[in-house]
PDB file of all heavy atoms in Angstrom:
ATOM      1  N   VAL A   1     115.290  78.195 118.889  1.00  0.00           N
ATOM      2  CA  VAL A   1     116.716  77.967 119.147  1.00  0.00           C
ATOM      3  C   VAL A   1     117.456  77.795 117.818  1.00  0.00           C
ATOM      4  O   VAL A   1     117.451  76.722 117.227  1.00  0.00           O
ATOM      5  CB  VAL A   1     116.935  76.709 120.029  1.00  0.00           C
ATOM      6  CG1 VAL A   1     118.395  76.632 120.472  1.00  0.00           C
ATOM      7  CG2 VAL A   1     116.004  76.702 121.236  1.00  0.00           C
ATOM      8  N   PRO A   2     118.097  78.864 117.302  1.00  0.00           N
ATOM      9  CA  PRO A   2     118.882  78.733 116.066  1.00  0.00           C
ATOM     10  C   PRO A   2     120.174  77.956 116.336  1.00  0.00           C
ATOM     11  O   PRO A   2     120.875  78.220 117.313  1.00  0.00           O
ATOM     12  CB  PRO A   2     119.212  80.183 115.691  1.00  0.00           C
ATOM     13  CG  PRO A   2     118.382  81.052 116.585  1.00  0.00           C
ATOM     14  CD  PRO A   2     118.109  80.247 117.807  1.00  0.00           C
ATOM     15  N   LEU A   3     120.467  76.979 115.465  1.00  0.00           N
ATOM     16  CA  LEU A   3     121.644  76.131 115.663  1.00  0.00           C
ATOM     17  C   LEU A   3     122.445  75.982 114.369  1.00  0.00           C
ATOM     18  O   LEU A   3     121.977  76.331 113.292  1.00  0.00           O
ATOM     19  CB  LEU A   3     121.206  74.741 116.151  1.00  0.00           C
ATOM     20  CG  LEU A   3     120.545  74.660 117.534  1.00  0.00           C
ATOM     21  CD1 LEU A   3     119.941  73.286 117.743  1.00  0.00           C
ATOM     22  CD2 LEU A   3     121.540  74.982 118.641  1.00  0.00           C
ATOM     23  N   SER A   4     123.631  75.413 114.531  1.00  0.00           N
ATOM     24  CA  SER A   4     124.456  75.045 113.379  1.00  0.00           C
ATOM     25  C   SER A   4     123.962  73.710 112.818  1.00  0.00           C
ATOM     26  O   SER A   4     123.255  72.961 113.499  1.00  0.00           O
ATOM     27  CB  SER A   4     125.915  74.899 113.828  1.00  0.00           C
ATOM     28  OG  SER A   4     126.645  74.107 112.923  1.00  0.00           O
ATOM     29  N   SER A   5     124.363  73.421 111.588  1.00  0.00           N
ATOM     30  CA  SER A   5     124.033  72.118 110.999  1.00  0.00           C
ATOM     31  C   SER A   5     124.682  70.990 111.800  1.00  0.00           C
ATOM     32  O   SER A   5     124.229  69.848 111.773  1.00  0.00           O
ATOM     33  CB  SER A   5     124.523  72.069 109.544  1.00  0.00           C
ATOM     34  OG  SER A   5     125.926  72.349 109.502  1.00  0.00           O
ATOM     35  N   VAL A   6     125.764  71.324 112.513  1.00  0.00           N
ATOM     36  CA  VAL A   6     126.448  70.335 113.362  1.00  0.00           C
ATOM     37  C   VAL A   6     126.047  70.596 114.813  1.00  0.00           C
ATOM     38  O   VAL A   6     126.490  71.564 115.424  1.00  0.00           O
ATOM     39  CB  VAL A   6     127.991  70.447 113.219  1.00  0.00           C
ATOM     40  CG1 VAL A   6     128.683  69.432 114.114  1.00  0.00           C
ATOM     41  CG2 VAL A   6     128.412  70.282 111.775  1.00  0.00           C
ATOM     42  N   HIS A   7     125.174  69.774 115.341  1.00  0.00           N
ATOM     43  CA  HIS A   7     124.746  69.940 116.739  1.00  0.00           C
ATOM     44  C   HIS A   7     124.203  68.606 117.265  1.00  0.00           C
ATOM     45  O   HIS A   7     123.915  67.702 116.485  1.00  0.00           O
ATOM     46  CB  HIS A   7     123.663  71.026 116.859  1.00  0.00           C
ATOM     47  CG  HIS A   7     122.378  70.676 116.177  1.00  0.00           C
ATOM     48  ND1 HIS A   7     122.126  70.985 114.864  1.00  0.00           N
ATOM     49  CD2 HIS A   7     121.272  70.016 116.606  1.00  0.00           C
ATOM     50  CE1 HIS A   7     120.931  70.549 114.519  1.00  0.00           C
ATOM     51  NE2 HIS A   7     120.385  69.945 115.567  1.00  0.00           N
ATOM     52  N   ASN A   8     124.121  68.519 118.577  1.00  0.00           N
ATOM     53  CA  ASN A   8     123.515  67.313 119.168  1.00  0.00           C
ATOM     54  C   ASN A   8     122.143  67.698 119.742  1.00  0.00           C
ATOM     55  O   ASN A   8     121.696  68.831 119.598  1.00  0.00           O
ATOM     56  CB  ASN A   8     124.432  66.696 120.241  1.00  0.00           C
ATOM     57  CG  ASN A   8     124.783  67.696 121.335  1.00  0.00           C
ATOM     58  OD1 ASN A   8     123.973  68.541 121.706  1.00  0.00           O
ATOM     59  ND2 ASN A   8     125.998  67.595 121.863  1.00  0.00           N
ATOM     60  N   ASP A   9     121.504  66.756 120.399  1.00  0.00           N
ATOM     61  CA  ASP A   9     120.146  67.005 120.923  1.00  0.00           C
ATOM     62  C   ASP A   9     120.130  67.400 122.395  1.00  0.00           C
ATOM     63  O   ASP A   9     119.081  67.378 123.032  1.00  0.00           O
ATOM     64  CB  ASP A   9     119.273  65.748 120.731  1.00  0.00           C
ATOM     65  CG  ASP A   9     118.903  65.541 119.269  1.00  0.00           C
ATOM     66  OD1 ASP A   9     118.860  66.551 118.532  1.00  0.00           O
ATOM     67  OD2 ASP A   9     118.654  64.393 118.869  1.00  0.00           O
ATOM     68  N   ASP A  10     121.286  67.770 122.946  1.00  0.00           N
ATOM     69  CA  ASP A  10     121.354  68.086 124.380  1.00  0.00           C
ATOM     70  C   ASP A  10     120.387  69.201 124.773  1.00  0.00           C
ATOM     71  O   ASP A  10     119.669  69.103 125.776  1.00  0.00           O
ATOM     72  CB  ASP A  10     122.782  68.486 124.775  1.00  0.00           C
ATOM     73  CG  ASP A  10     123.739  67.301 124.737  1.00  0.00           C
ATOM     74  OD1 ASP A  10     123.270  66.184 124.447  1.00  0.00           O
ATOM     75  OD2 ASP A  10     124.944  67.491 125.000  1.00  0.00           O
ATOM     76  N   ILE A  11     120.382  70.278 123.990  1.00  0.00           N
ATOM     77  CA  ILE A  11     119.507  71.420 124.323  1.00  0.00           C
ATOM     78  C   ILE A  11     118.043  71.010 124.191  1.00  0.00           C
ATOM     79  O   ILE A  11     117.229  71.265 125.078  1.00  0.00           O
ATOM     80  CB  ILE A  11     119.830  72.634 123.425  1.00  0.00           C
ATOM     81  CG1 ILE A  11     121.231  73.180 123.772  1.00  0.00           C
ATOM     82  CG2 ILE A  11     118.776  73.733 123.590  1.00  0.00           C
ATOM     83  CD1 ILE A  11     121.701  74.312 122.894  1.00  0.00           C
ATOM     84  N   LYS A  12     117.717  70.350 123.087  1.00  0.00           N
ATOM     85  CA  LYS A  12     116.330  69.890 122.852  1.00  0.00           C
ATOM     86  C   LYS A  12     115.856  69.010 124.003  1.00  0.00           C
ATOM     87  O   LYS A  12     114.764  69.205 124.554  1.00  0.00           O
ATOM     88  CB  LYS A  12     116.256  69.117 121.542  1.00  0.00           C
ATOM     89  CG  LYS A  12     114.857  68.571 121.240  1.00  0.00           C
ATOM     90  CD  LYS A  12     114.883  67.691 119.995  1.00  0.00           C
ATOM     91  CE  LYS A  12     113.489  67.178 119.663  1.00  0.00           C
ATOM     92  NZ  LYS A  12     112.866  66.408 120.740  1.00  0.00           N
ATOM     93  N   ASN A  13     116.686  68.047 124.391  1.00  0.00           N
ATOM     94  CA  ASN A  13     116.303  67.110 125.454  1.00  0.00           C
ATOM     95  C   ASN A  13     116.087  67.820 126.796  1.00  0.00           C
ATOM     96  O   ASN A  13     115.162  67.496 127.542  1.00  0.00           O
ATOM     97  CB  ASN A  13     117.364  66.014 125.610  1.00  0.00           C
ATOM     98  CG  ASN A  13     117.452  65.127 124.371  1.00  0.00           C
ATOM     99  OD1 ASN A  13     116.522  65.094 123.561  1.00  0.00           O
ATOM    100  ND2 ASN A  13     118.569  64.433 124.201  1.00  0.00           N
ATOM    101  N   LEU A  14     116.951  68.789 127.076  1.00  0.00           N
ATOM    102  CA  LEU A  14     116.848  69.511 128.346  1.00  0.00           C
ATOM    103  C   LEU A  14     115.583  70.378 128.382  1.00  0.00           C
ATOM    104  O   LEU A  14     114.854  70.398 129.377  1.00  0.00           O
ATOM    105  CB  LEU A  14     118.093  70.388 128.550  1.00  0.00           C
ATOM    106  CG  LEU A  14     118.292  71.011 129.934  1.00  0.00           C
ATOM    107  CD1 LEU A  14     118.258  69.951 131.038  1.00  0.00           C
ATOM    108  CD2 LEU A  14     119.594  71.776 130.001  1.00  0.00           C
ATOM    109  N   LEU A  15     115.296  71.064 127.274  1.00  0.00           N
ATOM    110  CA  LEU A  15     114.094  71.920 127.225  1.00  0.00           C
ATOM    111  C   LEU A  15     112.818  71.066 127.238  1.00  0.00           C
ATOM    112  O   LEU A  15     111.809  71.458 127.814  1.00  0.00           O
ATOM    113  CB  LEU A  15     114.129  72.832 125.994  1.00  0.00           C
ATOM    114  CG  LEU A  15     115.326  73.795 125.887  1.00  0.00           C
ATOM    115  CD1 LEU A  15     115.120  74.788 124.749  1.00  0.00           C
ATOM    116  CD2 LEU A  15     115.563  74.553 127.178  1.00  0.00           C
ATOM    117  N   ASP A  16     112.901  69.896 126.599  1.00  0.00           N
ATOM    118  CA  ASP A  16     111.774  68.954 126.660  1.00  0.00           C
ATOM    119  C   ASP A  16     111.504  68.535 128.105  1.00  0.00           C
ATOM    120  O   ASP A  16     110.360  68.517 128.565  1.00  0.00           O
ATOM    121  CB  ASP A  16     112.083  67.685 125.838  1.00  0.00           C
ATOM    122  CG  ASP A  16     111.859  67.883 124.344  1.00  0.00           C
ATOM    123  OD1 ASP A  16     111.229  68.892 123.967  1.00  0.00           O
ATOM    124  OD2 ASP A  16     112.321  67.031 123.558  1.00  0.00           O
ATOM    125  N   ALA A  17     112.593  68.200 128.811  1.00  0.00           N
ATOM    126  CA  ALA A  17     112.478  67.724 130.194  1.00  0.00           C
ATOM    127  C   ALA A  17     111.849  68.792 131.099  1.00  0.00           C
ATOM    128  O   ALA A  17     111.130  68.467 132.053  1.00  0.00           O
ATOM    129  CB  ALA A  17     113.851  67.322 130.729  1.00  0.00           C
ATOM    130  N   LYS A  18     112.131  70.049 130.779  1.00  0.00           N
ATOM    131  CA  LYS A  18     111.588  71.150 131.596  1.00  0.00           C
ATOM    132  C   LYS A  18     110.217  71.613 131.094  1.00  0.00           C
ATOM    133  O   LYS A  18     109.664  72.592 131.593  1.00  0.00           O
ATOM    134  CB  LYS A  18     112.566  72.338 131.595  1.00  0.00           C
ATOM    135  CG  LYS A  18     113.929  72.011 132.186  1.00  0.00           C
ATOM    136  CD  LYS A  18     113.829  71.615 133.648  1.00  0.00           C
ATOM    137  CE  LYS A  18     115.198  71.276 134.230  1.00  0.00           C
ATOM    138  NZ  LYS A  18     115.115  70.830 135.632  1.00  0.00           N
ATOM    139  N   LYS A  19     109.714  70.915 130.056  1.00  0.00           N
ATOM    140  CA  LYS A  19     108.385  71.216 129.486  1.00  0.00           C
ATOM    141  C   LYS A  19     108.267  72.662 128.977  1.00  0.00           C
ATOM    142  O   LYS A  19     107.223  73.309 129.114  1.00  0.00           O
ATOM    143  CB  LYS A  19     107.276  70.904 130.505  1.00  0.00           C
ATOM    144  CG  LYS A  19     107.195  69.418 130.843  1.00  0.00           C
ATOM    145  CD  LYS A  19     106.024  69.108 131.737  1.00  0.00           C
ATOM    146  CE  LYS A  19     105.741  67.618 131.825  1.00  0.00           C
ATOM    147  NZ  LYS A  19     106.884  66.770 132.148  1.00  0.00           N
ATOM    148  N   LEU A  20     109.356  73.160 128.403  1.00  0.00           N
ATOM    149  CA  LEU A  20     109.334  74.496 127.803  1.00  0.00           C
ATOM    150  C   LEU A  20     108.885  74.369 126.349  1.00  0.00           C
ATOM    151  O   LEU A  20     109.203  73.384 125.673  1.00  0.00           O
ATOM    152  CB  LEU A  20     110.722  75.142 127.886  1.00  0.00           C
ATOM    153  CG  LEU A  20     111.141  75.587 129.302  1.00  0.00           C
ATOM    154  CD1 LEU A  20     112.636  75.813 129.396  1.00  0.00           C
ATOM    155  CD2 LEU A  20     110.391  76.848 129.722  1.00  0.00           C
ATOM    156  N   ASN A  21     108.169  75.341 125.863  1.00  0.00           N
ATOM    157  CA  ASN A  21     107.659  75.339 124.488  1.00  0.00           C
ATOM    158  C   ASN A  21     108.778  75.849 123.577  1.00  0.00           C
ATOM    159  O   ASN A  21     109.129  77.026 123.616  1.00  0.00           O
ATOM    160  CB  ASN A  21     106.429  76.263 124.419  1.00  0.00           C
ATOM    161  CG  ASN A  21     105.767  76.225 123.064  1.00  0.00           C
ATOM    162  OD1 ASN A  21     106.326  75.738 122.091  1.00  0.00           O
ATOM    163  ND2 ASN A  21     104.557  76.753 122.989  1.00  0.00           N
ATOM    164  N   HIS A  22     109.352  74.975 122.772  1.00  0.00           N
ATOM    165  CA  HIS A  22     110.549  75.367 122.002  1.00  0.00           C
ATOM    166  C   HIS A  22     110.618  74.651 120.652  1.00  0.00           C
ATOM    167  O   HIS A  22     110.033  73.576 120.462  1.00  0.00           O
ATOM    168  CB  HIS A  22     111.809  75.045 122.802  1.00  0.00           C
ATOM    169  CG  HIS A  22     111.997  73.567 123.011  1.00  0.00           C
ATOM    170  ND1 HIS A  22     112.786  72.792 122.199  1.00  0.00           N
ATOM    171  CD2 HIS A  22     111.458  72.717 123.923  1.00  0.00           C
ATOM    172  CE1 HIS A  22     112.727  71.537 122.614  1.00  0.00           C
ATOM    173  NE2 HIS A  22     111.925  71.461 123.659  1.00  0.00           N
ATOM    174  N   THR A  23     111.356  75.248 119.743  1.00  0.00           N
ATOM    175  CA  THR A  23     111.640  74.649 118.432  1.00  0.00           C
ATOM    176  C   THR A  23     113.088  74.946 118.075  1.00  0.00           C
ATOM    177  O   THR A  23     113.547  76.081 118.218  1.00  0.00           O
ATOM    178  CB  THR A  23     110.722  75.251 117.337  1.00  0.00           C
ATOM    179  OG1 THR A  23     109.370  74.978 117.680  1.00  0.00           O
ATOM    180  CG2 THR A  23     111.037  74.666 115.971  1.00  0.00           C
ATOM    181  N   GLU A  24     113.810  73.908 117.638  1.00  0.00           N
ATOM    182  CA  GLU A  24     115.180  74.105 117.153  1.00  0.00           C
ATOM    183  C   GLU A  24     115.143  74.262 115.633  1.00  0.00           C
ATOM    184  O   GLU A  24     114.305  73.636 114.977  1.00  0.00           O
ATOM    185  CB  GLU A  24     116.080  72.912 117.509  1.00  0.00           C
ATOM    186  CG  GLU A  24     116.455  72.829 118.986  1.00  0.00           C
ATOM    187  CD  GLU A  24     115.262  72.434 119.852  1.00  0.00           C
ATOM    188  OE1 GLU A  24     114.458  71.582 119.431  1.00  0.00           O
ATOM    189  OE2 GLU A  24     115.122  73.014 120.936  1.00  0.00           O
ATOM    190  N   CYS A  25     116.033  75.075 115.097  1.00  0.00           N
ATOM    191  CA  CYS A  25     116.128  75.204 113.644  1.00  0.00           C
ATOM    192  C   CYS A  25     117.584  75.441 113.265  1.00  0.00           C
ATOM    193  O   CYS A  25     118.366  75.964 114.051  1.00  0.00           O
ATOM    194  CB  CYS A  25     115.255  76.349 113.140  1.00  0.00           C
ATOM    195  SG  CYS A  25     115.775  77.962 113.745  1.00  0.00           S
ATOM    196  N   VAL A  26     117.945  75.020 112.061  1.00  0.00           N
ATOM    197  CA  VAL A  26     119.305  75.239 111.562  1.00  0.00           C
ATOM    198  C   VAL A  26     119.318  76.553 110.785  1.00  0.00           C
ATOM    199  O   VAL A  26     118.496  76.769 109.895  1.00  0.00           O
ATOM    200  CB  VAL A  26     119.755  74.070 110.660  1.00  0.00           C
ATOM    201  CG1 VAL A  26     121.089  74.384 109.984  1.00  0.00           C
ATOM    202  CG2 VAL A  26     119.859  72.785 111.474  1.00  0.00           C
ATOM    203  N   MET A  27     120.248  77.451 111.152  1.00  0.00           N
ATOM    204  CA  MET A  27     120.358  78.738 110.453  1.00  0.00           C
ATOM    205  C   MET A  27     121.710  78.921 109.771  1.00  0.00           C
ATOM    206  O   MET A  27     121.890  79.853 109.000  1.00  0.00           O
ATOM    207  CB  MET A  27     120.115  79.896 111.422  1.00  0.00           C
ATOM    208  CG  MET A  27     118.653  80.093 111.770  1.00  0.00           C
ATOM    209  SD  MET A  27     118.347  81.685 112.536  1.00  0.00           S
ATOM    210  CE  MET A  27     116.547  81.708 112.549  1.00  0.00           C
ATOM    211  N   TYR A  28     122.675  78.046 110.093  1.00  0.00           N
ATOM    212  CA  TYR A  28     123.990  78.159 109.461  1.00  0.00           C
ATOM    213  C   TYR A  28     124.657  76.795 109.464  1.00  0.00           C
ATOM    214  O   TYR A  28     124.288  75.910 110.239  1.00  0.00           O
ATOM    215  CB  TYR A  28     124.865  79.194 110.181  1.00  0.00           C
ATOM    216  CG  TYR A  28     125.003  78.988 111.676  1.00  0.00           C
ATOM    217  CD1 TYR A  28     126.145  78.424 112.241  1.00  0.00           C
ATOM    218  CD2 TYR A  28     123.982  79.384 112.546  1.00  0.00           C
ATOM    219  CE1 TYR A  28     126.272  78.265 113.599  1.00  0.00           C
ATOM    220  CE2 TYR A  28     124.099  79.218 113.926  1.00  0.00           C
ATOM    221  CZ  TYR A  28     125.250  78.659 114.441  1.00  0.00           C
ATOM    222  OH  TYR A  28     125.374  78.489 115.808  1.00  0.00           O
ATOM    223  N   ARG A  29     125.615  76.615 108.563  1.00  0.00           N
ATOM    224  CA  ARG A  29     126.311  75.328 108.502  1.00  0.00           C
ATOM    225  C   ARG A  29     127.781  75.518 108.855  1.00  0.00           C
ATOM    226  O   ARG A  29     128.365  76.571 108.576  1.00  0.00           O
ATOM    227  CB  ARG A  29     126.147  74.669 107.125  1.00  0.00           C
ATOM    228  CG  ARG A  29     126.717  75.421 105.967  1.00  0.00           C
ATOM    229  CD  ARG A  29     126.628  74.607 104.681  1.00  0.00           C
ATOM    230  NE  ARG A  29     125.250  74.391 104.263  1.00  0.00           N
ATOM    231  CZ  ARG A  29     124.573  75.247 103.504  1.00  0.00           C
ATOM    232  NH1 ARG A  29     125.133  76.370 103.095  1.00  0.00           N
ATOM    233  NH2 ARG A  29     123.324  74.993 103.159  1.00  0.00           N
ATOM    234  N   THR A  30     128.332  74.502 109.477  1.00  0.00           N
ATOM    235  CA  THR A  30     129.726  74.537 109.907  1.00  0.00           C
ATOM    236  C   THR A  30     130.527  73.543 109.081  1.00  0.00           C
ATOM    237  O   THR A  30     130.199  72.361 109.047  1.00  0.00           O
ATOM    238  CB  THR A  30     129.828  74.172 111.408  1.00  0.00           C
ATOM    239  OG1 THR A  30     128.879  74.967 112.133  1.00  0.00           O
ATOM    240  CG2 THR A  30     131.196  74.442 111.953  1.00  0.00           C
ATOM    241  N   VAL A  31     131.551  74.037 108.397  1.00  0.00           N
ATOM    242  CA  VAL A  31     132.364  73.159 107.551  1.00  0.00           C
ATOM    243  C   VAL A  31     133.843  73.312 107.912  1.00  0.00           C
ATOM    244  O   VAL A  31     134.277  74.377 108.361  1.00  0.00           O
ATOM    245  CB  VAL A  31     132.152  73.462 106.042  1.00  0.00           C
ATOM    246  CG1 VAL A  31     130.726  73.151 105.625  1.00  0.00           C
ATOM    247  CG2 VAL A  31     132.494  74.905 105.704  1.00  0.00           C
ATOM    248  N   SER A  32     134.603  72.272 107.715  1.00  0.00           N
ATOM    249  CA  SER A  32     136.029  72.282 108.047  1.00  0.00           C
ATOM    250  C   SER A  32     136.782  73.279 107.172  1.00  0.00           C
ATOM    251  O   SER A  32     136.550  73.379 105.969  1.00  0.00           O
ATOM    252  CB  SER A  32     136.610  70.871 107.847  1.00  0.00           C
ATOM    253  OG  SER A  32     137.991  70.873 108.152  1.00  0.00           O
ATOM    254  N   ASN A  33     137.651  74.054 107.800  1.00  0.00           N
ATOM    255  CA  ASN A  33     138.495  75.018 107.091  1.00  0.00           C
ATOM    256  C   ASN A  33     139.867  74.359 106.919  1.00  0.00           C
ATOM    257  O   ASN A  33     140.757  74.521 107.743  1.00  0.00           O
ATOM    258  CB  ASN A  33     138.590  76.309 107.916  1.00  0.00           C
ATOM    259  CG  ASN A  33     139.321  77.413 107.204  1.00  0.00           C
ATOM    260  OD1 ASN A  33     139.519  77.360 105.994  1.00  0.00           O
ATOM    261  ND2 ASN A  33     139.751  78.421 107.944  1.00  0.00           N
TER     262      ASN A  33
END
């Protein structure tokens, strides 16, 4: 699961709950314009 540097754990927690084999990683950063 590629994510932004700004993210919460909602996806991780949901996939954990469903016992899916997953890894989150940061691939880009989000900064204020």
